[in-house]
């Protein structure tokens, strides 16, 4: 089952985010992965999930060949 990140896109477009294990809750964000990681670690997250929220949404269905 996919996770809907529509709200993340609206708020964190073009930023790196550190997420909790639920892959929905943002712990920290920043312009770089290091900024997001460091802020999440300061807030007590031992191993946050890092991802970059794209600048625009592009649909993808199927596999690439």
PDB file of N, CA and C in Angstrom:
ATOM      1  N   UNK A   1       0.841  -1.174   0.000  1.00  0.00           N
ATOM      2  CA  UNK A   1       0.000   0.000   0.000  1.00  0.00           C
ATOM      3  C   UNK A   1       0.888   1.239   0.000  1.00  0.00           C
ATOM      4  N   UNK A   2       0.590   2.188  -0.835  1.00  0.00           N
ATOM      5  CA  UNK A   2       1.365   3.426  -0.926  1.00  0.00           C
ATOM      6  C   UNK A   2       1.018   4.392   0.197  1.00  0.00           C
ATOM      7  N   UNK A   3       1.892   5.332   0.416  1.00  0.00           N
ATOM      8  CA  UNK A   3       1.686   6.366   1.427  1.00  0.00           C
ATOM      9  C   UNK A   3       1.441   7.681   0.706  1.00  0.00           C
ATOM     10  N   UNK A   4       0.404   8.389   1.109  1.00  0.00           N
ATOM     11  CA  UNK A   4       0.057   9.667   0.497  1.00  0.00           C
ATOM     12  C   UNK A   4       0.890  10.778   1.132  1.00  0.00           C
ATOM     13  N   UNK A   5       1.812  11.341   0.353  1.00  0.00           N
ATOM     14  CA  UNK A   5       2.666  12.420   0.821  1.00  0.00           C
ATOM     15  C   UNK A   5       2.213  13.766   0.273  1.00  0.00           C
ATOM     16  N   UNK A   6       0.956  13.891  -0.131  1.00  0.00           N
ATOM     17  CA  UNK A   6       0.448  15.141  -0.693  1.00  0.00           C
ATOM     18  C   UNK A   6       0.664  16.310   0.259  1.00  0.00           C
ATOM     19  N   UNK A   7       0.348  16.131   1.524  1.00  0.00           N
ATOM     20  CA  UNK A   7       0.529  17.207   2.505  1.00  0.00           C
ATOM     21  C   UNK A   7       2.005  17.539   2.708  1.00  0.00           C
ATOM     22  N   UNK A   8       2.864  16.516   2.662  1.00  0.00           N
ATOM     23  CA  UNK A   8       4.304  16.769   2.770  1.00  0.00           C
ATOM     24  C   UNK A   8       4.767  17.611   1.588  1.00  0.00           C
ATOM     25  N   UNK A   9       4.266  17.291   0.400  1.00  0.00           N
ATOM     26  CA  UNK A   9       4.654  18.032  -0.789  1.00  0.00           C
ATOM     27  C   UNK A   9       4.268  19.507  -0.663  1.00  0.00           C
ATOM     28  N   UNK A  10       3.067  19.759  -0.187  1.00  0.00           N
ATOM     29  CA  UNK A  10       2.591  21.140  -0.069  1.00  0.00           C
ATOM     30  C   UNK A  10       3.463  21.969   0.874  1.00  0.00           C
ATOM     31  N   UNK A  11       3.901  21.375   1.962  1.00  0.00           N
ATOM     32  CA  UNK A  11       4.635  22.119   2.986  1.00  0.00           C
ATOM     33  C   UNK A  11       6.161  22.079   2.810  1.00  0.00           C
ATOM     34  N   UNK A  12       6.693  20.975   2.262  1.00  0.00           N
ATOM     35  CA  UNK A  12       8.141  20.769   2.245  1.00  0.00           C
ATOM     36  C   UNK A  12       8.725  20.649   0.840  1.00  0.00           C
ATOM     37  N   UNK A  13       8.054  21.205  -0.159  1.00  0.00           N
ATOM     38  CA  UNK A  13       8.509  21.132  -1.543  1.00  0.00           C
ATOM     39  C   UNK A  13       9.956  21.617  -1.650  1.00  0.00           C
ATOM     40  N   UNK A  14      10.786  20.828  -2.355  1.00  0.00           N
ATOM     41  CA  UNK A  14      12.214  21.130  -2.584  1.00  0.00           C
ATOM     42  C   UNK A  14      13.078  21.067  -1.330  1.00  0.00           C
ATOM     43  N   UNK A  15      12.604  20.457  -0.269  1.00  0.00           N
ATOM     44  CA  UNK A  15      13.388  20.326   0.961  1.00  0.00           C
ATOM     45  C   UNK A  15      13.661  18.858   1.283  1.00  0.00           C
ATOM     46  N   UNK A  16      14.675  18.634   2.084  1.00  0.00           N
ATOM     47  CA  UNK A  16      14.934  17.323   2.665  1.00  0.00           C
ATOM     48  C   UNK A  16      14.135  17.220   3.951  1.00  0.00           C
ATOM     49  N   UNK A  17      13.560  16.058   4.208  1.00  0.00           N
ATOM     50  CA  UNK A  17      12.833  15.840   5.452  1.00  0.00           C
ATOM     51  C   UNK A  17      13.343  14.584   6.136  1.00  0.00           C
ATOM     52  N   UNK A  18      13.306  14.608   7.450  1.00  0.00           N
ATOM     53  CA  UNK A  18      13.612  13.445   8.279  1.00  0.00           C
ATOM     54  C   UNK A  18      12.277  12.970   8.838  1.00  0.00           C
ATOM     55  N   UNK A  19      11.974  11.702   8.610  1.00  0.00           N
ATOM     56  CA  UNK A  19      10.688  11.142   9.010  1.00  0.00           C
ATOM     57  C   UNK A  19      10.840  10.114  10.120  1.00  0.00           C
ATOM     58  N   UNK A  20       9.764   9.968  10.909  1.00  0.00           N
ATOM     59  CA  UNK A  20       9.695   8.881  11.886  1.00  0.00           C
ATOM     60  C   UNK A  20       9.509   7.568  11.135  1.00  0.00           C
ATOM     61  N   UNK A  21       9.547   6.464  11.861  1.00  0.00           N
ATOM     62  CA  UNK A  21       9.391   5.137  11.261  1.00  0.00           C
ATOM     63  C   UNK A  21       8.046   4.935  10.561  1.00  0.00           C
ATOM     64  N   UNK A  22       7.046   5.739  10.911  1.00  0.00           N
ATOM     65  CA  UNK A  22       5.741   5.593  10.258  1.00  0.00           C
ATOM     66  C   UNK A  22       5.745   6.135   8.821  1.00  0.00           C
ATOM     67  N   UNK A  23       6.857   6.771   8.427  1.00  0.00           N
ATOM     68  CA  UNK A  23       7.066   7.330   7.090  1.00  0.00           C
ATOM     69  C   UNK A  23       6.079   8.440   6.734  1.00  0.00           C
ATOM     70  N   UNK A  24       5.456   9.047   7.744  1.00  0.00           N
ATOM     71  CA  UNK A  24       4.497  10.128   7.527  1.00  0.00           C
ATOM     72  C   UNK A  24       4.802  11.351   8.382  1.00  0.00           C
ATOM     73  N   UNK A  25       5.332  11.130   9.565  1.00  0.00           N
ATOM     74  CA  UNK A  25       5.544  12.199  10.534  1.00  0.00           C
ATOM     75  C   UNK A  25       6.911  12.839  10.339  1.00  0.00           C
ATOM     76  N   UNK A  26       6.928  14.143  10.058  1.00  0.00           N
ATOM     77  CA  UNK A  26       8.174  14.871   9.849  1.00  0.00           C
ATOM     78  C   UNK A  26       8.770  15.269  11.197  1.00  0.00           C
ATOM     79  N   UNK A  27      10.018  14.898  11.395  1.00  0.00           N
ATOM     80  CA  UNK A  27      10.746  15.269  12.604  1.00  0.00           C
ATOM     81  C   UNK A  27      11.470  16.591  12.377  1.00  0.00           C
ATOM     82  N   UNK A  28      12.072  16.729  11.188  1.00  0.00           N
ATOM     83  CA  UNK A  28      12.850  17.920  10.862  1.00  0.00           C
ATOM     84  C   UNK A  28      12.928  18.070   9.354  1.00  0.00           C
ATOM     85  N   UNK A  29      13.319  19.268   8.914  1.00  0.00           N
ATOM     86  CA  UNK A  29      13.498  19.512   7.483  1.00  0.00           C
ATOM     87  C   UNK A  29      14.644  20.487   7.286  1.00  0.00           C
ATOM     88  N   UNK A  30      15.165  20.545   6.062  1.00  0.00           N
ATOM     89  CA  UNK A  30      16.239  21.475   5.757  1.00  0.00           C
ATOM     90  C   UNK A  30      16.535  21.496   4.272  1.00  0.00           C
ATOM     91  N   UNK A  31      17.351  22.443   3.870  1.00  0.00           N
ATOM     92  CA  UNK A  31      17.730  22.550   2.458  1.00  0.00           C
ATOM     93  C   UNK A  31      18.691  21.436   2.047  1.00  0.00           C
ATOM     94  N   UNK A  32      19.399  20.859   3.022  1.00  0.00           N
ATOM     95  CA  UNK A  32      20.305  19.746   2.739  1.00  0.00           C
ATOM     96  C   UNK A  32      19.920  18.551   3.612  1.00  0.00           C
ATOM     97  N   UNK A  33      20.361  17.381   3.171  1.00  0.00           N
ATOM     98  CA  UNK A  33      20.108  16.171   3.951  1.00  0.00           C
ATOM     99  C   UNK A  33      20.784  16.285   5.320  1.00  0.00           C
ATOM    100  N   UNK A  34      21.984  16.857   5.345  1.00  0.00           N
ATOM    101  CA  UNK A  34      22.714  17.007   6.615  1.00  0.00           C
ATOM    102  C   UNK A  34      21.946  17.891   7.589  1.00  0.00           C
ATOM    103  N   UNK A  35      21.375  18.991   7.107  1.00  0.00           N
ATOM    104  CA  UNK A  35      20.596  19.873   7.983  1.00  0.00           C
ATOM    105  C   UNK A  35      19.415  19.117   8.585  1.00  0.00           C
ATOM    106  N   UNK A  36      18.681  18.391   7.761  1.00  0.00           N
ATOM    107  CA  UNK A  36      17.518  17.639   8.246  1.00  0.00           C
ATOM    108  C   UNK A  36      17.962  16.559   9.230  1.00  0.00           C
ATOM    109  N   UNK A  37      19.037  15.848   8.896  1.00  0.00           N
ATOM    110  CA  UNK A  37      19.553  14.779   9.745  1.00  0.00           C
ATOM    111  C   UNK A  37      19.998  15.330  11.105  1.00  0.00           C
ATOM    112  N   UNK A  38      20.807  16.379  11.080  1.00  0.00           N
ATOM    113  CA  UNK A  38      21.328  16.950  12.326  1.00  0.00           C
ATOM    114  C   UNK A  38      20.204  17.455  13.231  1.00  0.00           C
ATOM    115  N   UNK A  39      19.216  18.119  12.646  1.00  0.00           N
ATOM    116  CA  UNK A  39      18.084  18.630  13.434  1.00  0.00           C
ATOM    117  C   UNK A  39      17.273  17.474  14.034  1.00  0.00           C
ATOM    118  N   UNK A  40      17.058  16.424  13.263  1.00  0.00           N
ATOM    119  CA  UNK A  40      16.322  15.256  13.768  1.00  0.00           C
ATOM    120  C   UNK A  40      17.078  14.596  14.918  1.00  0.00           C
ATOM    121  N   UNK A  41      18.398  14.496  14.789  1.00  0.00           N
ATOM    122  CA  UNK A  41      19.212  13.902  15.849  1.00  0.00           C
ATOM    123  C   UNK A  41      19.150  14.757  17.118  1.00  0.00           C
ATOM    124  N   UNK A  42      19.147  16.080  16.967  1.00  0.00           N
ATOM    125  CA  UNK A  42      19.025  16.980  18.126  1.00  0.00           C
ATOM    126  C   UNK A  42      17.694  16.770  18.840  1.00  0.00           C
ATOM    127  N   UNK A  43      16.678  16.391  18.069  1.00  0.00           N
ATOM    128  CA  UNK A  43      15.350  16.169  18.646  1.00  0.00           C
ATOM    129  C   UNK A  43      15.185  14.755  19.190  1.00  0.00           C
ATOM    130  N   UNK A  44      16.255  13.960  19.164  1.00  0.00           N
ATOM    131  CA  UNK A  44      16.226  12.642  19.785  1.00  0.00           C
ATOM    132  C   UNK A  44      15.988  11.467  18.864  1.00  0.00           C
ATOM    133  N   UNK A  45      15.866  11.698  17.573  1.00  0.00           N
ATOM    134  CA  UNK A  45      15.666  10.590  16.625  1.00  0.00           C
ATOM    135  C   UNK A  45      16.997   9.886  16.407  1.00  0.00           C
ATOM    136  N   UNK A  46      17.041   8.595  16.668  1.00  0.00           N
ATOM    137  CA  UNK A  46      18.312   7.880  16.546  1.00  0.00           C
ATOM    138  C   UNK A  46      18.630   7.483  15.105  1.00  0.00           C
ATOM    139  N   UNK A  47      17.612   7.190  14.309  1.00  0.00           N
ATOM    140  CA  UNK A  47      17.845   6.759  12.940  1.00  0.00           C
ATOM    141  C   UNK A  47      16.671   7.186  12.053  1.00  0.00           C
ATOM    142  N   UNK A  48      16.518   8.484  11.788  1.00  0.00           N
ATOM    143  CA  UNK A  48      15.383   8.959  10.993  1.00  0.00           C
ATOM    144  C   UNK A  48      15.495   8.522   9.534  1.00  0.00           C
ATOM    145  N   UNK A  49      14.373   8.496   8.864  1.00  0.00           N
ATOM    146  CA  UNK A  49      14.327   8.205   7.433  1.00  0.00           C
ATOM    147  C   UNK A  49      14.471   9.544   6.708  1.00  0.00           C
ATOM    148  N   UNK A  50      15.433   9.636   5.804  1.00  0.00           N
ATOM    149  CA  UNK A  50      15.640  10.869   5.052  1.00  0.00           C
ATOM    150  C   UNK A  50      15.114  10.715   3.632  1.00  0.00           C
ATOM    151  N   UNK A  51      14.451  11.750   3.153  1.00  0.00           N
ATOM    152  CA  UNK A  51      14.015  11.784   1.762  1.00  0.00           C
ATOM    153  C   UNK A  51      13.914  13.226   1.319  1.00  0.00           C
ATOM    154  N   UNK A  52      14.041  13.441   0.035  1.00  0.00           N
ATOM    155  CA  UNK A  52      13.896  14.788  -0.515  1.00  0.00           C
ATOM    156  C   UNK A  52      12.529  14.882  -1.169  1.00  0.00           C
ATOM    157  N   UNK A  53      11.779  15.898  -0.813  1.00  0.00           N
ATOM    158  CA  UNK A  53      10.473  16.126  -1.406  1.00  0.00           C
ATOM    159  C   UNK A  53      10.709  16.884  -2.727  1.00  0.00           C
ATOM    160  N   UNK A  54      10.204  16.353  -3.836  1.00  0.00           N
ATOM    161  CA  UNK A  54      10.480  16.972  -5.138  1.00  0.00           C
ATOM    162  C   UNK A  54       9.833  18.346  -5.291  1.00  0.00           C
ATOM    163  N   UNK A  55      10.301  19.085  -6.276  1.00  0.00           N
ATOM    164  CA  UNK A  55       9.760  20.406  -6.569  1.00  0.00           C
ATOM    165  C   UNK A  55       8.436  20.362  -7.313  1.00  0.00           C
ATOM    166  N   UNK A  56       8.194  19.253  -7.996  1.00  0.00           N
ATOM    167  CA  UNK A  56       6.908  19.075  -8.670  1.00  0.00           C
ATOM    168  C   UNK A  56       6.557  17.602  -8.670  1.00  0.00           C
ATOM    169  N   UNK A  57       5.261  17.336  -8.687  1.00  0.00           N
ATOM    170  CA  UNK A  57       4.790  15.957  -8.677  1.00  0.00           C
ATOM    171  C   UNK A  57       4.709  15.419 -10.094  1.00  0.00           C
ATOM    172  N   UNK A  58       5.237  14.239 -10.275  1.00  0.00           N
ATOM    173  CA  UNK A  58       5.188  13.568 -11.570  1.00  0.00           C
ATOM    174  C   UNK A  58       4.586  12.189 -11.327  1.00  0.00           C
ATOM    175  N   UNK A  59       3.546  11.866 -12.052  1.00  0.00           N
ATOM    176  CA  UNK A  59       2.898  10.558 -11.898  1.00  0.00           C
ATOM    177  C   UNK A  59       3.777   9.460 -12.485  1.00  0.00           C
ATOM    178  N   UNK A  60       3.761   8.316 -11.851  1.00  0.00           N
ATOM    179  CA  UNK A  60       4.504   7.151 -12.334  1.00  0.00           C
ATOM    180  C   UNK A  60       3.653   5.914 -12.098  1.00  0.00           C
ATOM    181  N   UNK A  61       3.412   5.169 -13.145  1.00  0.00           N
ATOM    182  CA  UNK A  61       2.671   3.926 -13.056  1.00  0.00           C
ATOM    183  C   UNK A  61       3.426   2.880 -13.859  1.00  0.00           C
ATOM    184  N   UNK A  62       3.646   1.709 -13.268  1.00  0.00           N
ATOM    185  CA  UNK A  62       4.296   0.637 -13.996  1.00  0.00           C
ATOM    186  C   UNK A  62       5.788   0.587 -13.758  1.00  0.00           C
ATOM    187  N   UNK A  63       6.476  -0.108 -14.647  1.00  0.00           N
ATOM    188  CA  UNK A  63       7.910  -0.271 -14.501  1.00  0.00           C
ATOM    189  C   UNK A  63       8.632   0.429 -15.634  1.00  0.00           C
ATOM    190  N   UNK A  64       9.865   0.804 -15.393  1.00  0.00           N
ATOM    191  CA  UNK A  64      10.640   1.464 -16.449  1.00  0.00           C
ATOM    192  C   UNK A  64      11.506   0.423 -17.146  1.00  0.00           C
ATOM    193  N   UNK A  65      11.678   0.590 -18.419  1.00  0.00           N
ATOM    194  CA  UNK A  65      12.522  -0.337 -19.203  1.00  0.00           C
ATOM    195  C   UNK A  65      13.448   0.440 -20.079  1.00  0.00           C
TER     196      UNK A  65
END
